[in-house]
Amino acid sequence: MKIEHFAFNVSAPIEMAAWYVANLGMTVTLKLDEAPHTHFLTDSSGSVMIEIYNNPVNEVPDYANMDPLIIHLAFVSEDPLADQI
């Protein structure tokens, strides 16, 4: 078995997906133009996806104030210093 995707409930999925595409080179594999504005983003390997959506029925976690040891998304970089955003 392998992981197909990991999902994040966020407050602004359209904007977040655009940021991942522009800054991390991810590709939009599938998106919904209506709520919950789900975006499946694929990494450069084409085999790992993240899902970004907004489901207002459930609480959006306060990711910015969470300790990164609770949850984080890590990317491989050939040059981490150059890739700092």
Foldseek 3Di string as FASTA:
>chain_A
DDDQEAEAADDDQVVVVVCCCVQVVWDFPDFDPDPQGWTWTAHPVRRYTYIYGHDPVDDHDPVVPDDCVVDDDDDDDPDVVVSDD
